[in-house]
Amino acid sequence: MYVCSCFGITEQQVREHASAGACTPRQIASASKAGTDCGSCVRRIQGLLGRGGCPRRESAAESAVAALAAPAATAGVAEAA
């Protein structure tokens, strides 16, 4: 099914770009032009990305949590020494 009528971009193409690392509507636009003409497809693209369209988004969130936890863990080690 078409997501962007202006440039003929399909849901499958959006998913392919997302799996290649384009995890925001702006990145999808850079990769495919979808959302850069009339803009009516931007919400649909957001919906696709929010429903597992971007597998790297979850791992990025997990990395951010780990990065925030690391300084606290390191501080505890320094205090114990």
C-alpha atoms as a PDB file:
ATOM      1  CA  MET A   1       0.000   0.000   0.000  1.00  0.00           C
ATOM      2  CA  TYR A   2       1.249   3.493  -0.800  1.00  0.00           C
ATOM      3  CA  VAL A   3       2.278   5.738   2.065  1.00  0.00           C
ATOM      4  CA  CYS A   4       3.391   8.700  -0.056  1.00  0.00           C
ATOM      5  CA  SER A   5       1.328   9.343  -3.155  1.00  0.00           C
ATOM      6  CA  CYS A   6       3.527  12.237  -4.261  1.00  0.00           C
ATOM      7  CA  PHE A   7       6.608  10.045  -4.732  1.00  0.00           C
ATOM      8  CA  GLY A   8       5.030   6.576  -4.903  1.00  0.00           C
ATOM      9  CA  ILE A   9       6.625   5.282  -1.691  1.00  0.00           C
ATOM     10  CA  THR A  10       5.097   2.126  -0.236  1.00  0.00           C
ATOM     11  CA  GLU A  11       4.882   0.833   3.330  1.00  0.00           C
ATOM     12  CA  GLN A  12       7.387  -1.856   2.390  1.00  0.00           C
ATOM     13  CA  GLN A  13       9.879   0.757   1.205  1.00  0.00           C
ATOM     14  CA  VAL A  14       9.486   2.687   4.463  1.00  0.00           C
ATOM     15  CA  ARG A  15      10.122  -0.537   6.407  1.00  0.00           C
ATOM     16  CA  GLU A  16      13.197  -1.268   4.278  1.00  0.00           C
ATOM     17  CA  HIS A  17      14.605   2.200   4.938  1.00  0.00           C
ATOM     18  CA  ALA A  18      13.848   1.768   8.644  1.00  0.00           C
ATOM     19  CA  SER A  19      15.672  -1.565   8.764  1.00  0.00           C
ATOM     20  CA  ALA A  20      18.624   0.160   7.086  1.00  0.00           C
ATOM     21  CA  GLY A  21      18.721   2.680   9.948  1.00  0.00           C
ATOM     22  CA  ALA A  22      16.316   5.501   8.997  1.00  0.00           C
ATOM     23  CA  CYS A  23      14.367   5.681  12.255  1.00  0.00           C
ATOM     24  CA  THR A  24      12.673   9.073  12.059  1.00  0.00           C
ATOM     25  CA  PRO A  25      10.342  10.641   9.503  1.00  0.00           C
ATOM     26  CA  ARG A  26      13.118  13.083   8.622  1.00  0.00           C
ATOM     27  CA  GLN A  27      15.541  10.220   7.929  1.00  0.00           C
ATOM     28  CA  ILE A  28      12.892   8.439   5.855  1.00  0.00           C
ATOM     29  CA  ALA A  29      12.436  11.685   3.899  1.00  0.00           C
ATOM     30  CA  SER A  30      16.169  11.910   3.271  1.00  0.00           C
ATOM     31  CA  ALA A  31      16.260   8.337   2.042  1.00  0.00           C
ATOM     32  CA  SER A  32      13.126   8.387  -0.116  1.00  0.00           C
ATOM     33  CA  LYS A  33      11.668  11.932  -0.370  1.00  0.00           C
ATOM     34  CA  ALA A  34       8.481  10.659   1.337  1.00  0.00           C
ATOM     35  CA  GLY A  35       6.909  13.494   3.304  1.00  0.00           C
ATOM     36  CA  THR A  36       8.801  16.277   1.542  1.00  0.00           C
ATOM     37  CA  ASP A  37       6.083  17.473  -0.842  1.00  0.00           C
ATOM     38  CA  CYS A  38       2.578  17.865   0.595  1.00  0.00           C
ATOM     39  CA  GLY A  39       3.418  16.284   3.987  1.00  0.00           C
ATOM     40  CA  SER A  40       0.166  14.347   4.315  1.00  0.00           C
ATOM     41  CA  CYS A  41       2.050  11.052   4.760  1.00  0.00           C
ATOM     42  CA  VAL A  42       4.236  12.126   7.685  1.00  0.00           C
ATOM     43  CA  ARG A  43       1.813  10.873  10.348  1.00  0.00           C
ATOM     44  CA  ARG A  44       1.486   7.567   8.554  1.00  0.00           C
ATOM     45  CA  ILE A  45       5.272   7.235   8.436  1.00  0.00           C
ATOM     46  CA  GLN A  46       5.412   8.036  12.163  1.00  0.00           C
ATOM     47  CA  GLY A  47       2.842   5.300  12.753  1.00  0.00           C
ATOM     48  CA  LEU A  48       4.865   2.758  10.798  1.00  0.00           C
ATOM     49  CA  LEU A  49       8.035   3.630  12.655  1.00  0.00           C
ATOM     50  CA  GLY A  50       6.209   3.433  15.973  1.00  0.00           C
ATOM     51  CA  ARG A  51       4.897  -0.062  15.217  1.00  0.00           C
ATOM     52  CA  GLY A  52       8.203  -1.850  14.931  1.00  0.00           C
ATOM     53  CA  GLY A  53       9.174  -0.284  11.629  1.00  0.00           C
ATOM     54  CA  CYS A  54      12.577   0.508  13.057  1.00  0.00           C
ATOM     55  CA  PRO A  55      14.275  -2.419  14.769  1.00  0.00           C
ATOM     56  CA  ARG A  56      17.252  -0.288  15.805  1.00  0.00           C
ATOM     57  CA  ARG A  57      15.102   2.115  17.825  1.00  0.00           C
ATOM     58  CA  GLU A  58      14.629  -0.425  20.621  1.00  0.00           C
ATOM     59  CA  SER A  59      18.321  -1.292  20.852  1.00  0.00           C
ATOM     60  CA  ALA A  60      19.204   2.410  20.868  1.00  0.00           C
ATOM     61  CA  ALA A  61      16.845   2.955  23.802  1.00  0.00           C
ATOM     62  CA  GLU A  62      18.412   0.022  25.638  1.00  0.00           C
ATOM     63  CA  SER A  63      21.887   1.462  24.980  1.00  0.00           C
ATOM     64  CA  ALA A  64      20.822   4.813  26.390  1.00  0.00           C
ATOM     65  CA  VAL A  65      19.552   3.181  29.584  1.00  0.00           C
ATOM     66  CA  ALA A  66      22.800   1.222  29.912  1.00  0.00           C
ATOM     67  CA  ALA A  67      24.846   4.399  29.369  1.00  0.00           C
ATOM     68  CA  LEU A  68      22.916   6.187  32.101  1.00  0.00           C
ATOM     69  CA  ALA A  69      23.373   3.277  34.498  1.00  0.00           C
ATOM     70  CA  ALA A  70      27.120   2.915  33.842  1.00  0.00           C
ATOM     71  CA  PRO A  71      28.253   6.127  35.609  1.00  0.00           C
ATOM     72  CA  ALA A  72      26.256   5.173  38.704  1.00  0.00           C
ATOM     73  CA  ALA A  73      27.805   1.706  38.760  1.00  0.00           C
ATOM     74  CA  THR A  74      31.289   3.167  38.294  1.00  0.00           C
ATOM     75  CA  ALA A  75      30.732   5.684  41.107  1.00  0.00           C
ATOM     76  CA  GLY A  76      29.794   2.860  43.471  1.00  0.00           C
ATOM     77  CA  VAL A  77      33.020   1.015  42.623  1.00  0.00           C
ATOM     78  CA  ALA A  78      35.123   4.125  43.202  1.00  0.00           C
ATOM     79  CA  GLU A  79      33.537   4.718  46.622  1.00  0.00           C
ATOM     80  CA  ALA A  80      34.154   1.128  47.694  1.00  0.00           C
ATOM     81  CA  ALA A  81      37.883   1.439  46.885  1.00  0.00           C
END
